[in-house]
N, C-alpha and C. Protein backbone atom coordinates (compact mmCIF):
# COMPACT_ATOMS: atom_id res chain seq x y z
N UNK A 1 0.93 -1.11 -0.01
CA UNK A 1 -0.15 -0.29 0.05
C UNK A 1 0.71 1.27 0.11
N UNK A 2 1.88 1.03 0.71
CA UNK A 2 2.94 2.29 1.06
C UNK A 2 3.71 2.70 -0.57
N UNK A 3 3.73 1.72 -1.35
CA UNK A 3 4.69 2.08 -2.40
C UNK A 3 3.33 2.70 -3.13
N UNK A 4 2.52 2.04 -3.51
CA UNK A 4 1.74 2.24 -4.63
C UNK A 4 1.02 4.03 -4.07
N UNK A 5 1.25 4.25 -2.57
CA UNK A 5 1.08 5.60 -2.58
C UNK A 5 1.80 6.57 -2.60
N UNK A 6 3.35 6.15 -2.27
CA UNK A 6 3.98 6.80 -2.98
C UNK A 6 4.37 6.89 -4.47
N UNK A 7 4.02 6.31 -4.92
CA UNK A 7 4.29 6.19 -6.92
C UNK A 7 3.20 7.36 -6.73
N UNK A 8 1.76 7.35 -6.41
CA UNK A 8 0.84 8.85 -6.60
C UNK A 8 1.16 9.84 -6.55
N UNK A 9 1.69 9.63 -5.37
CA UNK A 9 2.08 11.14 -4.56
C UNK A 9 3.30 11.85 -5.26
N UNK A 10 4.24 10.79 -5.93
CA UNK A 10 5.60 11.62 -6.80
C UNK A 10 4.86 11.93 -8.36
N UNK A 11 3.34 10.78 -8.63
CA UNK A 11 2.82 11.88 -9.82
C UNK A 11 1.85 13.01 -9.70
N UNK A 12 1.94 13.40 -8.08
CA UNK A 12 0.98 14.49 -7.92
C UNK A 12 -0.63 13.98 -8.14
N UNK A 13 -0.79 12.78 -7.99
CA UNK A 13 -2.22 12.70 -8.42
C UNK A 13 -2.96 12.76 -7.28
N UNK A 14 -3.71 14.18 -6.92
CA UNK A 14 -5.16 14.60 -6.55
C UNK A 14 -5.58 13.47 -4.79
N UNK A 15 -5.61 12.30 -5.87
CA UNK A 15 -6.25 11.67 -5.17
C UNK A 15 -5.35 11.27 -3.74
N UNK A 16 -4.18 11.10 -3.95
CA UNK A 16 -3.44 10.67 -3.23
C UNK A 16 -3.01 11.54 -2.01
N UNK A 17 -3.66 12.82 -1.78
CA UNK A 17 -3.20 13.66 -0.92
C UNK A 17 -4.06 13.33 0.21
N UNK A 18 -5.52 12.88 -0.11
CA UNK A 18 -6.71 12.64 0.66
C UNK A 18 -6.35 11.51 1.22
N UNK A 19 -5.93 10.84 0.28
CA UNK A 19 -5.46 9.49 1.39
C UNK A 19 -4.28 9.48 1.99
N UNK A 20 -3.51 10.02 1.72
CA UNK A 20 -1.77 10.17 2.64
C UNK A 20 -2.88 10.93 3.87
N UNK A 21 -3.85 11.80 3.96
CA UNK A 21 -4.19 12.07 5.09
C UNK A 21 -4.99 11.13 6.08
N UNK A 22 -5.84 10.76 5.12
CA UNK A 22 -6.43 9.62 5.90
C UNK A 22 -5.88 8.32 6.53
N UNK A 23 -4.86 8.45 6.02
CA UNK A 23 -4.00 7.02 6.77
C UNK A 23 -3.30 7.66 7.94
N UNK A 24 -2.42 9.10 7.54
CA UNK A 24 -1.55 9.51 8.31
C UNK A 24 -1.99 10.90 9.13
N UNK A 25 -3.11 11.39 9.22
CA UNK A 25 -3.59 12.47 10.00
C UNK A 25 -3.03 12.42 11.18
N UNK A 26 -4.04 11.31 12.05
CA UNK A 26 -4.06 11.31 12.69
C UNK A 26 -2.94 10.47 13.40
N UNK A 27 -2.06 10.02 13.78
CA UNK A 27 -0.86 9.57 14.01
C UNK A 27 0.02 10.61 14.36
N UNK A 28 0.25 11.46 12.91
CA UNK A 28 1.33 12.75 12.92
C UNK A 28 0.57 13.66 13.90
N UNK A 29 -0.60 14.14 14.15
CA UNK A 29 -1.22 15.38 14.87
C UNK A 29 -0.75 14.76 15.70
N UNK A 30 -0.95 13.24 16.83
CA UNK A 30 -0.40 12.73 18.02
C UNK A 30 0.79 13.47 18.35
N UNK A 31 1.55 13.20 17.43
CA UNK A 31 3.46 13.28 17.41
C UNK A 31 3.43 14.94 17.44
N UNK A 32 3.19 15.36 16.75
CA UNK A 32 3.31 17.13 16.75
C UNK A 32 2.34 17.58 18.01
N UNK A 33 1.20 17.20 18.21
CA UNK A 33 0.99 17.90 19.53
C UNK A 33 1.40 17.76 21.14
N UNK A 34 2.24 16.27 20.85
CA UNK A 34 2.73 16.23 21.95
C UNK A 34 4.21 17.20 22.22
N UNK A 35 4.19 17.79 20.91
CA UNK A 35 5.46 18.31 21.17
C UNK A 35 4.71 20.48 21.35
N UNK A 36 4.14 20.65 20.63
CA UNK A 36 3.58 21.84 20.41
C UNK A 36 2.60 22.13 21.51
N UNK A 37 1.78 21.01 21.94
CA UNK A 37 0.61 21.52 22.94
C UNK A 37 -0.07 22.23 22.99
N UNK A 38 -0.15 22.34 21.57
CA UNK A 38 -1.68 23.45 21.48
C UNK A 38 -2.21 22.93 20.34
N UNK A 39 -3.68 22.40 20.30
CA UNK A 39 -4.18 22.71 19.28
C UNK A 39 -3.92 23.12 17.91
N UNK A 40 -4.13 24.02 18.05
CA UNK A 40 -4.14 25.01 16.43
C UNK A 40 -3.07 25.06 16.25
N UNK A 41 -2.02 25.28 17.14
CA UNK A 41 -0.41 25.12 16.50
C UNK A 41 -0.49 23.72 16.00
N UNK A 42 -0.49 22.74 16.49
CA UNK A 42 -0.39 21.49 16.12
C UNK A 42 -1.23 21.20 14.80
N UNK A 43 -2.47 21.77 14.40
CA UNK A 43 -3.31 21.59 13.90
C UNK A 43 -2.49 22.40 12.17
N UNK A 44 -1.60 24.10 12.36
CA UNK A 44 -1.17 24.21 11.62
C UNK A 44 0.10 23.60 10.84
N UNK A 45 0.45 23.07 12.22
CA UNK A 45 2.18 21.85 12.01
C UNK A 45 1.71 21.25 11.12
N UNK A 46 0.77 20.55 11.42
CA UNK A 46 0.22 19.01 10.83
C UNK A 46 0.02 19.76 9.39
N UNK A 47 -0.41 20.62 9.15
CA UNK A 47 -0.74 20.97 7.43
C UNK A 47 0.27 21.35 6.52
N UNK A 48 1.08 22.08 7.64
CA UNK A 48 2.96 22.72 7.11
C UNK A 48 3.37 20.49 6.67
N UNK A 49 3.23 20.03 7.60
CA UNK A 49 4.02 18.33 7.21
C UNK A 49 3.69 17.98 5.84
N UNK A 50 2.42 18.14 6.11
CA UNK A 50 1.46 17.26 4.68
C UNK A 50 1.64 18.16 3.50
N UNK A 51 2.11 19.36 3.45
CA UNK A 51 2.61 20.40 2.09
C UNK A 51 3.81 20.01 2.21
N UNK A 52 4.64 19.62 3.01
CA UNK A 52 5.82 19.39 2.73
C UNK A 52 6.13 18.50 2.31
N UNK A 53 5.47 17.17 2.72
CA UNK A 53 5.79 15.36 2.67
C UNK A 53 5.55 15.63 0.80
N UNK A 54 4.19 16.27 0.42
CA UNK A 54 3.86 16.39 -0.75
C UNK A 54 4.67 17.27 -1.45
N UNK A 55 5.49 18.41 -1.40
CA UNK A 55 6.60 18.69 -1.93
C UNK A 55 7.50 18.43 -2.53
N UNK A 56 8.04 17.19 -1.33
CA UNK A 56 9.57 16.65 -1.13
C UNK A 56 9.48 14.86 -1.43
N UNK A 57 8.46 14.90 -1.85
CA UNK A 57 8.18 13.50 -1.75
C UNK A 57 9.29 12.62 -2.81
N UNK A 58 9.60 13.84 -3.87
CA UNK A 58 10.90 13.00 -4.81
C UNK A 58 12.24 12.72 -4.00
N UNK A 59 12.26 13.12 -2.62
CA UNK A 59 13.64 13.27 -1.79
C UNK A 59 13.73 12.36 -0.93
N UNK A 60 12.12 11.50 -0.89
CA UNK A 60 12.30 10.28 -0.07
C UNK A 60 13.17 9.61 -0.67
N UNK A 61 13.96 8.19 0.38
CA UNK A 61 14.42 7.42 -0.62
C UNK A 61 14.66 6.14 0.29
N UNK A 62 13.90 5.01 -0.74
CA UNK A 62 13.00 4.21 0.12
C UNK A 62 14.31 3.35 0.79
N UNK A 63 15.53 3.28 0.54
CA UNK A 63 16.30 2.53 1.07
C UNK A 63 16.86 3.43 2.16
N UNK A 64 16.35 4.43 2.82
CA UNK A 64 16.94 5.12 4.17
C UNK A 64 15.45 4.21 4.66
N UNK A 65 14.83 4.20 4.70
CA UNK A 65 13.67 3.85 5.76
C UNK A 65 12.06 3.76 5.28
N UNK A 66 11.44 3.64 6.11
CA UNK A 66 9.80 3.19 5.41
C UNK A 66 9.46 4.67 5.27
N UNK A 67 7.94 5.09 4.56
CA UNK A 67 7.81 6.08 4.43
C UNK A 67 6.91 6.44 5.40
N UNK A 68 6.40 5.99 6.16
CA UNK A 68 5.71 6.24 7.40
C UNK A 68 6.95 7.12 8.37
N UNK A 69 8.28 6.77 8.11
CA UNK A 69 9.05 7.04 9.26
C UNK A 69 9.76 8.06 8.78
N UNK A 70 9.59 8.69 7.14
CA UNK A 70 10.55 9.36 7.03
C UNK A 70 9.37 10.90 7.18
N UNK A 71 7.57 10.43 7.47
CA UNK A 71 7.16 11.27 7.81
C UNK A 71 7.08 11.78 8.73
N UNK A 72 6.98 10.88 9.86
CA UNK A 72 7.24 11.27 11.24
C UNK A 72 8.43 12.21 11.23
N UNK A 73 9.44 12.10 10.78
CA UNK A 73 10.80 12.73 11.27
C UNK A 73 10.47 13.92 10.87
N UNK A 74 9.04 14.27 9.38
CA UNK A 74 8.89 15.66 8.75
C UNK A 74 8.73 15.72 9.40
N UNK A 75 7.57 15.54 10.30
CA UNK A 75 6.36 16.18 11.29
C UNK A 75 7.17 16.33 12.92
N UNK A 76 7.95 15.66 13.47
CA UNK A 76 8.69 15.76 14.25
C UNK A 76 9.77 17.23 14.22
N UNK A 77 9.72 17.41 12.99
CA UNK A 77 11.06 18.32 12.63
C UNK A 77 10.51 19.63 12.91
N UNK A 78 9.36 19.41 11.99
CA UNK A 78 8.98 20.79 12.06
C UNK A 78 7.83 21.05 13.13
N UNK A 79 6.99 20.32 13.99
CA UNK A 79 7.21 20.58 15.18
C UNK A 79 8.05 21.11 16.12
N UNK A 80 9.06 20.53 15.92
CA UNK A 80 10.57 21.06 16.89
C UNK A 80 10.98 22.74 16.55
N UNK A 81 10.87 22.63 15.25
CA UNK A 81 11.18 24.17 14.76
C UNK A 81 10.18 25.17 15.55
N UNK A 82 9.00 24.94 15.59
CA UNK A 82 7.79 26.07 15.81
C UNK A 82 7.99 25.70 17.66
N UNK A 83 8.40 24.56 18.03
CA UNK A 83 8.61 24.71 19.73
C UNK A 83 9.59 25.94 19.75
N UNK A 84 10.55 25.91 19.25
CA UNK A 84 12.13 26.44 19.50
C UNK A 84 11.76 27.61 18.92
N UNK A 85 11.04 28.30 18.24
CA UNK A 85 10.79 29.39 17.51
C UNK A 85 9.65 30.72 18.54
N UNK A 86 9.02 29.55 19.52
CA UNK A 86 8.39 30.33 20.11
C UNK A 86 9.36 30.71 21.69
N UNK A 87 10.24 29.83 21.63
CA UNK A 87 11.34 30.03 22.76
C UNK A 87 10.74 29.30 24.02
N UNK A 88 9.63 27.84 23.73
CA UNK A 88 9.75 26.86 24.53
C UNK A 88 10.58 25.67 24.48
N UNK A 89 11.83 25.78 24.22
CA UNK A 89 13.03 24.82 23.95
C UNK A 89 12.68 23.82 24.91
N UNK A 90 12.28 23.77 25.89
CA UNK A 90 12.30 22.60 27.16
C UNK A 90 10.70 21.87 27.13
N UNK A 91 9.64 22.10 26.24
CA UNK A 91 9.06 22.17 26.49
C UNK A 91 8.69 20.50 25.93
N UNK A 92 9.47 19.91 24.80
CA UNK A 92 9.37 18.39 24.82
C UNK A 92 10.06 17.56 25.52
N UNK A 93 10.92 18.42 26.45
CA UNK A 93 11.93 17.53 27.20
C UNK A 93 11.38 16.71 28.79
N UNK A 94 9.30 16.94 28.37
CA UNK A 94 8.63 16.83 29.13
C UNK A 94 8.23 14.99 28.96
N UNK A 95 8.21 14.87 27.86
CA UNK A 95 8.07 13.06 27.36
C UNK A 95 9.05 12.00 27.70
N UNK A 96 8.56 11.04 27.92
CA UNK A 96 9.43 9.78 27.73
C UNK A 96 9.13 9.07 26.88
N UNK A 97 10.07 8.38 26.91
CA UNK A 97 9.80 7.28 25.66
C UNK A 97 8.87 6.46 25.39
N UNK A 98 8.41 6.06 26.72
CA UNK A 98 7.19 5.35 27.48
C UNK A 98 6.38 5.90 27.11
N UNK A 99 5.78 7.56 27.50
CA UNK A 99 4.82 8.07 27.02
C UNK A 99 4.52 7.89 25.83
N UNK A 100 5.60 8.19 25.04
CA UNK A 100 5.10 8.76 23.41
C UNK A 100 4.78 7.29 22.65
N UNK A 101 5.81 6.11 23.04
CA UNK A 101 5.12 4.53 22.14
C UNK A 101 3.87 4.67 22.85
N UNK A 102 3.22 4.89 24.14
CA UNK A 102 1.83 4.96 24.51
C UNK A 102 0.67 5.33 23.80
N UNK A 103 1.19 6.60 23.24
CA UNK A 103 0.59 7.42 22.41
C UNK A 103 0.40 6.88 21.32
N UNK A 104 1.14 6.68 21.17
CA UNK A 104 1.46 6.75 19.47
C UNK A 104 0.18 5.07 19.19
N UNK A 105 0.71 3.86 20.30
CA UNK A 105 -0.22 2.74 20.11
C UNK A 105 -1.45 3.13 20.04
N UNK A 106 -1.87 4.03 20.97
CA UNK A 106 -3.70 4.31 21.09
C UNK A 106 -3.85 5.42 20.31
N UNK A 107 -3.20 6.04 19.32
CA UNK A 107 -3.91 6.84 18.42
C UNK A 107 -3.62 6.39 17.15
N UNK A 108 -3.44 5.13 16.79
CA UNK A 108 -3.34 4.87 15.37
C UNK A 108 -4.14 3.69 15.37
N UNK A 109 -4.60 4.15 13.99
CA UNK A 109 -5.66 2.84 13.61
C UNK A 109 -4.26 1.77 13.25
N UNK A 110 -4.77 0.40 13.49
CA UNK A 110 -4.16 -1.11 13.10
C UNK A 110 -3.58 -1.05 11.64
N UNK A 111 -4.30 -0.15 10.67
CA UNK A 111 -3.62 -0.69 9.68
C UNK A 111 -2.26 0.68 9.49
N UNK A 112 -2.02 1.80 9.91
CA UNK A 112 -1.59 2.82 9.94
C UNK A 112 -0.41 2.33 11.74
N UNK A 113 -0.46 1.43 12.05
CA UNK A 113 0.41 0.75 12.99
C UNK A 113 1.71 0.08 12.40
N UNK A 114 1.72 -0.01 11.45
CA UNK A 114 2.67 -1.10 10.77
C UNK A 114 4.02 -0.64 11.38
N UNK A 115 4.36 0.47 11.98
CA UNK A 115 5.93 1.04 11.98
C UNK A 115 5.98 0.72 13.57
N UNK A 116 4.79 0.64 14.22
CA UNK A 116 4.43 1.17 15.60
C UNK A 116 4.59 -0.64 16.62
N UNK A 117 3.96 -1.36 15.56
CA UNK A 117 3.92 -2.90 16.20
C UNK A 117 4.70 -3.16 16.98
N UNK A 118 4.88 -3.35 18.33
CA UNK A 118 6.33 -4.16 18.99
C UNK A 118 6.61 -3.15 18.96
N UNK A 119 6.82 -1.60 19.27
CA UNK A 119 7.93 -0.87 19.63
C UNK A 119 8.25 -0.90 21.15
N UNK A 120 7.28 -1.06 21.73
CA UNK A 120 7.48 -0.86 23.16
C UNK A 120 8.16 -2.01 23.67
N UNK A 121 7.56 -3.18 22.97
CA UNK A 121 8.96 -4.44 23.31
C UNK A 121 10.30 -4.22 22.95
N UNK A 122 10.79 -3.82 21.83
CA UNK A 122 11.77 -3.40 21.19
C UNK A 122 12.35 -2.83 21.92
N UNK A 123 12.04 -1.82 22.40
CA UNK A 123 12.37 -0.73 24.11
C UNK A 123 12.76 -1.09 25.22
N UNK A 124 11.37 -1.80 25.20
CA UNK A 124 12.38 -2.74 26.44
C UNK A 124 13.42 -3.80 26.30
N UNK A 125 13.91 -4.49 25.15
CA UNK A 125 14.97 -5.14 25.03
C UNK A 125 16.09 -4.12 24.89
N UNK A 126 16.06 -3.28 24.22
CA UNK A 126 17.40 -2.26 24.47
C UNK A 126 18.13 -2.67 25.81
N UNK A 127 19.51 -1.81 25.69
CA UNK A 127 20.02 -1.75 26.56
C UNK A 127 19.53 -0.26 27.18
N UNK A 128 20.00 0.31 29.11
CA UNK A 128 19.61 1.52 29.87
C UNK A 128 20.11 2.57 29.15
N UNK A 129 21.06 2.34 27.92
CA UNK A 129 22.18 3.95 27.30
C UNK A 129 21.15 3.57 26.41
N UNK A 130 20.61 3.10 25.29
CA UNK A 130 20.32 2.63 24.41
C UNK A 130 19.18 3.71 24.11
N UNK A 131 18.10 3.15 25.58
CA UNK A 131 16.57 4.07 25.47
C UNK A 131 17.16 5.46 25.97
N UNK A 132 17.88 5.72 26.89
CA UNK A 132 18.40 7.32 26.99
C UNK A 132 18.60 7.56 26.03
N UNK A 133 19.69 7.29 24.83
CA UNK A 133 19.81 7.78 23.46
C UNK A 133 18.59 8.25 22.97
N UNK A 134 17.60 7.11 22.62
CA UNK A 134 16.30 7.41 21.87
C UNK A 134 15.39 8.32 22.62
N UNK A 135 15.74 8.40 23.85
CA UNK A 135 14.61 8.98 24.67
C UNK A 135 15.19 10.80 24.33
N UNK A 136 16.26 11.01 24.72
CA UNK A 136 17.23 12.41 24.55
C UNK A 136 16.71 12.69 23.05
N UNK A 137 17.57 12.32 22.20
CA UNK A 137 17.65 12.61 20.78
C UNK A 137 16.55 12.64 19.70
N UNK A 138 15.50 11.42 20.10
CA UNK A 138 14.41 11.58 19.59
C UNK A 138 13.43 12.13 20.03
N UNK A 139 12.83 11.57 21.18
CA UNK A 139 11.60 11.62 22.18
C UNK A 139 11.51 13.39 22.51
N UNK A 140 12.82 13.52 23.20
CA UNK A 140 12.92 15.22 23.64
C UNK A 140 12.94 15.56 22.26
N UNK A 141 14.25 15.43 21.63
CA UNK A 141 14.32 16.48 20.36
C UNK A 141 15.61 17.38 20.75
N UNK A 142 16.44 16.62 22.00
CA UNK A 142 17.75 17.58 22.07
C UNK A 142 18.78 16.86 20.71
N UNK A 143 19.79 18.42 21.27
CA UNK A 143 20.56 17.75 20.12
C UNK A 143 21.68 17.25 20.84
N UNK A 144 22.64 16.71 19.77
CA UNK A 144 23.89 16.15 20.52
C UNK A 144 24.56 16.65 21.50
N UNK A 145 24.31 18.05 21.42
CA UNK A 145 25.33 18.90 22.46
C UNK A 145 24.38 18.69 23.59
N UNK A 146 23.48 18.76 23.93
CA UNK A 146 22.25 18.99 24.76
C UNK A 146 22.45 17.53 25.72
N UNK A 147 22.20 16.53 24.98
CA UNK A 147 22.37 15.51 25.27
C UNK A 147 23.53 15.00 25.89
N UNK A 148 24.64 14.91 25.20
CA UNK A 148 25.92 15.11 26.06
C UNK A 148 26.36 15.78 27.33
N UNK A 149 25.38 17.33 27.21
CA UNK A 149 25.43 17.67 28.63
C UNK A 149 24.16 17.10 29.70
N UNK A 150 23.49 16.54 29.06
CA UNK A 150 22.22 15.72 29.98
C UNK A 150 22.65 14.40 30.59
N UNK A 151 23.37 13.58 29.80
CA UNK A 151 24.21 12.37 30.30
C UNK A 151 25.94 12.95 31.18
N UNK A 152 26.32 14.29 30.65
CA UNK A 152 27.39 14.38 31.77
C UNK A 152 28.96 13.51 30.91
N UNK A 153 28.24 13.45 29.44
CA UNK A 153 29.87 12.60 28.41
C UNK A 153 30.05 13.97 27.39
N UNK A 154 31.19 13.54 26.34
CA UNK A 154 30.93 14.12 25.79
C UNK A 154 30.20 14.01 23.91
N UNK A 155 30.51 15.15 23.04
CA UNK A 155 29.33 14.69 21.96
C UNK A 155 29.82 13.83 21.23
N UNK A 156 31.23 13.28 20.86
CA UNK A 156 31.98 12.13 20.10
C UNK A 156 31.22 10.92 20.78
N UNK A 157 31.34 10.87 22.07
CA UNK A 157 30.40 9.61 22.81
C UNK A 157 29.22 9.51 22.44
N UNK A 158 28.10 10.46 22.51
CA UNK A 158 26.96 10.50 22.10
C UNK A 158 26.54 10.22 20.87
N UNK A 159 27.65 10.39 20.10
CA UNK A 159 27.43 10.03 18.67
C UNK A 159 27.38 8.49 18.64
N UNK A 160 28.67 7.80 19.36
CA UNK A 160 28.81 6.40 18.87
C UNK A 160 27.83 5.84 19.88
N UNK A 161 27.59 6.44 21.22
CA UNK A 161 26.32 5.22 21.82
C UNK A 161 25.29 5.21 20.79
N UNK A 162 24.79 6.72 19.74
CA UNK A 162 23.75 6.50 19.13
C UNK A 162 23.53 5.52 18.15
N UNK A 163 24.57 5.78 17.52
CA UNK A 163 25.61 4.34 16.50
C UNK A 163 24.89 3.35 16.90
N UNK A 164 25.30 2.78 18.03
CA UNK A 164 25.13 1.43 18.70
C UNK A 164 23.91 1.32 18.83
N UNK A 165 23.30 2.32 19.27
CA UNK A 165 21.83 2.19 19.67
C UNK A 165 21.14 1.75 18.63
N UNK A 166 21.36 2.51 17.56
CA UNK A 166 20.53 1.91 15.85
C UNK A 166 21.31 0.50 15.55
N UNK A 167 21.94 0.35 15.54
CA UNK A 167 22.72 -0.97 15.65
C UNK A 167 22.32 -2.34 16.38
N UNK A 168 21.55 -1.37 17.53
CA UNK A 168 20.93 -2.80 18.50
C UNK A 168 19.56 -2.79 17.90
N UNK A 169 18.98 -1.65 17.84
CA UNK A 169 17.66 -2.01 17.05
C UNK A 169 17.35 -2.54 15.81
N UNK A 170 18.78 -2.50 14.85
CA UNK A 170 18.58 -2.82 13.64
C UNK A 170 18.51 -4.10 13.72
N UNK A 171 19.48 -5.10 14.68
CA UNK A 171 19.57 -6.15 14.88
C UNK A 171 17.84 -7.01 15.61
N UNK A 172 17.72 -6.35 16.80
CA UNK A 172 15.89 -6.40 16.56
C UNK A 172 15.31 -6.54 16.00
N UNK A 173 15.26 -5.90 14.64
CA UNK A 173 14.01 -5.69 13.81
C UNK A 173 14.64 -6.83 12.60
N UNK A 174 15.91 -6.98 12.59
CA UNK A 174 16.41 -7.97 11.56
C UNK A 174 16.43 -7.20 10.30
N UNK A 175 17.26 -5.89 10.29
CA UNK A 175 17.16 -5.39 9.24
C UNK A 175 18.51 -5.10 8.98
């Protein structure tokens, strides 16, 4: 289904936009709302997200991950930009990985949860350092330097541990 949708989006098929919105709006909105914390702001960021995805579909590389994962990254980036622009750069630090996964699992229809199925189980299998990396770098939106300060290690160590975490996840996911 994602391959067909991507092909339609790249061809700028007008039906694809509605289909994409129907499939992903709810889960992307949940991610955005958890960062910006205001409904009207989240709706604006969601709109920006879909426009950016539509315009940049040609930049998406299947070899780098799933379409949904790319969409989440786009939504998260735009939401973090909005939060930082408003001077609330610490707001996203209130969310733990466990809370985010729970929210995602409860707000996404089964057909939209392909990327989320078993997420909590994978996180539970990770080493504590890896969970910290995921939480700081992805769920809290910290920069490498912010994560280094929080963990009281240097930025290069954060980068190395992040690579190890990604490798560990790939092993669990068998990719």
